[in-house]
Amino acid sequence: MSRPAKGTAVVQANGEVDLGTAPRLWEMLSQRLHGSGTKLILDLSELEFFGVPGVRVLERAQLLAQETGTLLFVFPGECRSARRLLDLREGLHVL
């Protein structure tokens, strides 16, 4: 995680987001969404694979972001599986 500007946090995921790793991603996002930032950027550009469990995490994160007044942005980068799944999901701010 990094903080490029006041009120902004960036979480960068790497490797794979699947059934086994999605809970860890949720934990990281949940902590940041309960923090003091007003903008959270999830960078998926270093992922090799992004599965459906990752989409479920993003759905939960989006709801929590709305509750906490945090803007949630997702940057899929060149990860094809992330781009494909995020294109199917409405309402997320995909960069």
N, C-alpha and C. Protein backbone atom coordinates (compact mmCIF):
# COMPACT_ATOMS: atom_id res chain seq x y z
N MET A 1 0.84 -1.18 0.00
CA MET A 1 0.00 0.00 0.00
C MET A 1 0.88 1.23 0.00
N SER A 2 0.43 2.27 -0.69
CA SER A 2 1.14 3.54 -0.69
C SER A 2 0.12 4.66 -0.56
N ARG A 3 0.63 5.84 -0.24
CA ARG A 3 -0.22 7.03 -0.12
C ARG A 3 0.41 8.15 -0.96
N PRO A 4 0.03 8.22 -2.24
CA PRO A 4 0.64 9.22 -3.12
C PRO A 4 0.22 10.66 -2.84
N ALA A 5 -0.91 10.84 -2.18
CA ALA A 5 -1.39 12.18 -1.85
C ALA A 5 -2.25 12.07 -0.59
N LYS A 6 -2.40 13.20 0.08
CA LYS A 6 -3.22 13.22 1.29
C LYS A 6 -4.65 12.77 0.95
N GLY A 7 -5.16 11.83 1.73
CA GLY A 7 -6.52 11.34 1.53
C GLY A 7 -6.64 10.27 0.47
N THR A 8 -5.52 9.85 -0.12
CA THR A 8 -5.53 8.83 -1.17
C THR A 8 -4.65 7.67 -0.77
N ALA A 9 -5.19 6.46 -0.90
CA ALA A 9 -4.41 5.25 -0.65
C ALA A 9 -4.46 4.39 -1.91
N VAL A 10 -3.34 3.74 -2.20
CA VAL A 10 -3.27 2.82 -3.33
C VAL A 10 -2.92 1.44 -2.80
N VAL A 11 -3.73 0.46 -3.13
CA VAL A 11 -3.46 -0.94 -2.79
C VAL A 11 -3.11 -1.65 -4.09
N GLN A 12 -1.93 -2.25 -4.13
CA GLN A 12 -1.52 -2.96 -5.33
C GLN A 12 -1.52 -4.46 -5.06
N ALA A 13 -2.30 -5.17 -5.86
CA ALA A 13 -2.37 -6.63 -5.74
C ALA A 13 -1.40 -7.24 -6.75
N ASN A 14 -0.84 -8.40 -6.39
CA ASN A 14 0.01 -9.10 -7.35
C ASN A 14 -0.25 -10.59 -7.26
N GLY A 15 0.21 -11.32 -8.25
CA GLY A 15 -0.01 -12.77 -8.26
C GLY A 15 -1.38 -13.10 -8.80
N GLU A 16 -2.19 -13.76 -7.98
CA GLU A 16 -3.52 -14.18 -8.39
C GLU A 16 -4.55 -13.82 -7.32
N VAL A 17 -5.74 -13.50 -7.77
CA VAL A 17 -6.88 -13.34 -6.86
C VAL A 17 -7.85 -14.45 -7.22
N ASP A 18 -7.93 -15.42 -6.32
CA ASP A 18 -8.81 -16.57 -6.52
C ASP A 18 -9.48 -16.90 -5.20
N LEU A 19 -10.08 -18.06 -5.11
CA LEU A 19 -10.80 -18.44 -3.90
C LEU A 19 -9.91 -18.42 -2.67
N GLY A 20 -8.66 -18.78 -2.83
CA GLY A 20 -7.74 -18.83 -1.69
C GLY A 20 -7.19 -17.48 -1.26
N THR A 21 -7.07 -16.54 -2.20
CA THR A 21 -6.45 -15.25 -1.88
C THR A 21 -7.44 -14.10 -1.74
N ALA A 22 -8.67 -14.30 -2.19
CA ALA A 22 -9.68 -13.23 -2.11
C ALA A 22 -9.92 -12.74 -0.68
N PRO A 23 -9.94 -13.62 0.33
CA PRO A 23 -10.15 -13.12 1.69
C PRO A 23 -9.06 -12.13 2.14
N ARG A 24 -7.83 -12.36 1.73
CA ARG A 24 -6.75 -11.42 2.08
C ARG A 24 -6.94 -10.07 1.39
N LEU A 25 -7.39 -10.10 0.13
CA LEU A 25 -7.68 -8.85 -0.58
C LEU A 25 -8.80 -8.10 0.14
N TRP A 26 -9.85 -8.81 0.55
CA TRP A 26 -10.95 -8.17 1.28
C TRP A 26 -10.45 -7.53 2.57
N GLU A 27 -9.60 -8.25 3.28
CA GLU A 27 -9.06 -7.73 4.53
C GLU A 27 -8.32 -6.41 4.30
N MET A 28 -7.49 -6.37 3.28
CA MET A 28 -6.73 -5.15 2.99
C MET A 28 -7.65 -4.00 2.59
N LEU A 29 -8.62 -4.29 1.72
CA LEU A 29 -9.53 -3.23 1.28
C LEU A 29 -10.42 -2.76 2.42
N SER A 30 -10.91 -3.68 3.21
CA SER A 30 -11.77 -3.33 4.34
C SER A 30 -11.05 -2.41 5.32
N GLN A 31 -9.80 -2.73 5.62
CA GLN A 31 -9.01 -1.88 6.53
C GLN A 31 -8.87 -0.48 5.97
N ARG A 32 -8.59 -0.38 4.69
CA ARG A 32 -8.40 0.94 4.07
C ARG A 32 -9.71 1.71 3.99
N LEU A 33 -10.80 1.00 3.73
CA LEU A 33 -12.09 1.67 3.62
C LEU A 33 -12.61 2.14 4.97
N HIS A 34 -12.15 1.54 6.04
CA HIS A 34 -12.51 2.00 7.38
C HIS A 34 -11.54 3.05 7.89
N GLY A 35 -10.51 3.35 7.10
CA GLY A 35 -9.50 4.34 7.49
C GLY A 35 -9.97 5.76 7.24
N SER A 36 -9.02 6.66 7.18
CA SER A 36 -9.37 8.08 7.08
C SER A 36 -9.26 8.63 5.67
N GLY A 37 -8.99 7.80 4.69
CA GLY A 37 -8.85 8.28 3.32
C GLY A 37 -10.19 8.59 2.68
N THR A 38 -10.16 9.40 1.65
CA THR A 38 -11.37 9.71 0.92
C THR A 38 -11.35 9.09 -0.47
N LYS A 39 -10.18 8.54 -0.86
CA LYS A 39 -10.06 7.91 -2.17
C LYS A 39 -9.18 6.67 -2.03
N LEU A 40 -9.65 5.55 -2.58
CA LEU A 40 -8.89 4.31 -2.55
C LEU A 40 -8.77 3.80 -3.98
N ILE A 41 -7.55 3.54 -4.40
CA ILE A 41 -7.29 3.02 -5.74
C ILE A 41 -6.76 1.60 -5.58
N LEU A 42 -7.41 0.66 -6.25
CA LEU A 42 -6.95 -0.72 -6.26
C LEU A 42 -6.27 -0.98 -7.59
N ASP A 43 -4.98 -1.22 -7.54
CA ASP A 43 -4.16 -1.44 -8.74
C ASP A 43 -4.00 -2.94 -8.96
N LEU A 44 -4.60 -3.44 -10.04
CA LEU A 44 -4.54 -4.85 -10.38
C LEU A 44 -3.55 -5.12 -11.52
N SER A 45 -2.75 -4.14 -11.87
CA SER A 45 -1.88 -4.25 -13.05
C SER A 45 -0.81 -5.32 -12.91
N GLU A 46 -0.48 -5.75 -11.70
CA GLU A 46 0.56 -6.76 -11.50
C GLU A 46 -0.02 -8.18 -11.35
N LEU A 47 -1.33 -8.31 -11.56
CA LEU A 47 -1.97 -9.63 -11.42
C LEU A 47 -1.74 -10.49 -12.65
N GLU A 48 -1.63 -11.78 -12.39
CA GLU A 48 -1.57 -12.77 -13.47
C GLU A 48 -2.96 -13.34 -13.71
N PHE A 49 -3.80 -13.36 -12.66
CA PHE A 49 -5.15 -13.92 -12.77
C PHE A 49 -6.06 -13.22 -11.77
N PHE A 50 -7.28 -12.92 -12.21
CA PHE A 50 -8.31 -12.31 -11.36
C PHE A 50 -9.59 -13.08 -11.58
N GLY A 51 -10.02 -13.84 -10.57
CA GLY A 51 -11.19 -14.69 -10.70
C GLY A 51 -12.45 -14.07 -10.13
N VAL A 52 -13.53 -14.81 -10.26
CA VAL A 52 -14.85 -14.37 -9.78
C VAL A 52 -14.83 -14.03 -8.29
N PRO A 53 -14.09 -14.76 -7.43
CA PRO A 53 -14.05 -14.35 -6.02
C PRO A 53 -13.53 -12.91 -5.85
N GLY A 54 -12.66 -12.47 -6.74
CA GLY A 54 -12.18 -11.09 -6.70
C GLY A 54 -13.29 -10.10 -7.01
N VAL A 55 -14.15 -10.45 -7.94
CA VAL A 55 -15.29 -9.59 -8.27
C VAL A 55 -16.21 -9.47 -7.06
N ARG A 56 -16.43 -10.58 -6.37
CA ARG A 56 -17.27 -10.55 -5.17
C ARG A 56 -16.66 -9.63 -4.11
N VAL A 57 -15.35 -9.68 -3.96
CA VAL A 57 -14.66 -8.78 -3.02
C VAL A 57 -14.89 -7.33 -3.44
N LEU A 58 -14.78 -7.05 -4.73
CA LEU A 58 -14.98 -5.68 -5.20
C LEU A 58 -16.42 -5.21 -4.99
N GLU A 59 -17.38 -6.12 -5.13
CA GLU A 59 -18.77 -5.75 -4.85
C GLU A 59 -18.95 -5.35 -3.39
N ARG A 60 -18.37 -6.14 -2.49
CA ARG A 60 -18.45 -5.81 -1.06
C ARG A 60 -17.72 -4.51 -0.77
N ALA A 61 -16.57 -4.34 -1.39
CA ALA A 61 -15.78 -3.12 -1.17
C ALA A 61 -16.53 -1.89 -1.68
N GLN A 62 -17.20 -2.04 -2.80
CA GLN A 62 -17.97 -0.92 -3.35
C GLN A 62 -19.08 -0.51 -2.38
N LEU A 63 -19.77 -1.48 -1.82
CA LEU A 63 -20.83 -1.17 -0.84
C LEU A 63 -20.25 -0.48 0.39
N LEU A 64 -19.13 -0.99 0.89
CA LEU A 64 -18.50 -0.38 2.06
C LEU A 64 -18.00 1.02 1.74
N ALA A 65 -17.47 1.21 0.54
CA ALA A 65 -17.00 2.55 0.12
C ALA A 65 -18.16 3.54 0.13
N GLN A 66 -19.32 3.11 -0.35
CA GLN A 66 -20.49 3.99 -0.35
C GLN A 66 -20.89 4.34 1.08
N GLU A 67 -20.84 3.36 1.97
CA GLU A 67 -21.20 3.61 3.37
C GLU A 67 -20.25 4.58 4.05
N THR A 68 -18.96 4.48 3.72
CA THR A 68 -17.95 5.30 4.39
C THR A 68 -17.63 6.60 3.64
N GLY A 69 -18.27 6.81 2.50
CA GLY A 69 -18.03 8.02 1.73
C GLY A 69 -16.66 8.04 1.05
N THR A 70 -16.15 6.87 0.73
CA THR A 70 -14.85 6.76 0.08
C THR A 70 -15.05 6.48 -1.40
N LEU A 71 -14.27 7.14 -2.24
CA LEU A 71 -14.29 6.85 -3.67
C LEU A 71 -13.38 5.67 -3.93
N LEU A 72 -13.90 4.64 -4.59
CA LEU A 72 -13.13 3.43 -4.89
C LEU A 72 -12.92 3.36 -6.40
N PHE A 73 -11.66 3.30 -6.80
CA PHE A 73 -11.29 3.18 -8.20
C PHE A 73 -10.51 1.90 -8.39
N VAL A 74 -10.71 1.25 -9.55
CA VAL A 74 -10.01 0.01 -9.86
C VAL A 74 -9.24 0.20 -11.16
N PHE A 75 -7.95 -0.11 -11.13
CA PHE A 75 -7.10 -0.05 -12.32
C PHE A 75 -6.69 -1.47 -12.67
N PRO A 76 -7.30 -2.07 -13.72
CA PRO A 76 -7.00 -3.45 -14.06
C PRO A 76 -5.69 -3.63 -14.80
N GLY A 77 -5.12 -2.57 -15.36
CA GLY A 77 -3.89 -2.71 -16.11
C GLY A 77 -4.09 -3.63 -17.30
N GLU A 78 -3.11 -4.48 -17.54
CA GLU A 78 -3.16 -5.39 -18.68
C GLU A 78 -3.66 -6.79 -18.32
N CYS A 79 -4.10 -6.99 -17.10
CA CYS A 79 -4.58 -8.30 -16.68
C CYS A 79 -5.89 -8.61 -17.41
N ARG A 80 -5.83 -9.53 -18.36
CA ARG A 80 -6.99 -9.83 -19.21
C ARG A 80 -8.19 -10.34 -18.42
N SER A 81 -7.94 -11.23 -17.46
CA SER A 81 -9.07 -11.77 -16.70
C SER A 81 -9.74 -10.68 -15.88
N ALA A 82 -8.97 -9.75 -15.34
CA ALA A 82 -9.56 -8.64 -14.58
C ALA A 82 -10.36 -7.73 -15.50
N ARG A 83 -9.80 -7.39 -16.64
CA ARG A 83 -10.52 -6.53 -17.58
C ARG A 83 -11.84 -7.18 -18.03
N ARG A 84 -11.77 -8.45 -18.36
CA ARG A 84 -12.96 -9.16 -18.84
C ARG A 84 -14.06 -9.17 -17.78
N LEU A 85 -13.71 -9.50 -16.54
CA LEU A 85 -14.71 -9.56 -15.48
C LEU A 85 -15.21 -8.18 -15.08
N LEU A 86 -14.33 -7.20 -15.06
CA LEU A 86 -14.74 -5.85 -14.67
C LEU A 86 -15.61 -5.20 -15.73
N ASP A 87 -15.41 -5.57 -16.99
CA ASP A 87 -16.27 -5.04 -18.05
C ASP A 87 -17.71 -5.49 -17.86
N LEU A 88 -17.91 -6.64 -17.22
CA LEU A 88 -19.25 -7.15 -16.98
C LEU A 88 -19.92 -6.52 -15.77
N ARG A 89 -19.14 -5.87 -14.93
CA ARG A 89 -19.63 -5.31 -13.66
C ARG A 89 -19.91 -3.83 -13.81
N GLU A 90 -21.13 -3.43 -13.56
CA GLU A 90 -21.48 -2.02 -13.62
C GLU A 90 -21.29 -1.36 -12.28
N GLY A 91 -21.07 -0.07 -12.30
CA GLY A 91 -21.03 0.71 -11.07
C GLY A 91 -19.64 0.90 -10.49
N LEU A 92 -18.68 0.11 -10.91
CA LEU A 92 -17.31 0.30 -10.41
C LEU A 92 -16.63 1.37 -11.23
N HIS A 93 -15.79 2.15 -10.61
CA HIS A 93 -15.00 3.15 -11.30
C HIS A 93 -13.74 2.47 -11.82
N VAL A 94 -13.76 2.04 -13.08
CA VAL A 94 -12.61 1.35 -13.66
C VAL A 94 -11.78 2.38 -14.41
N LEU A 95 -10.50 2.44 -14.05
CA LEU A 95 -9.60 3.41 -14.68
C LEU A 95 -8.97 2.83 -15.93
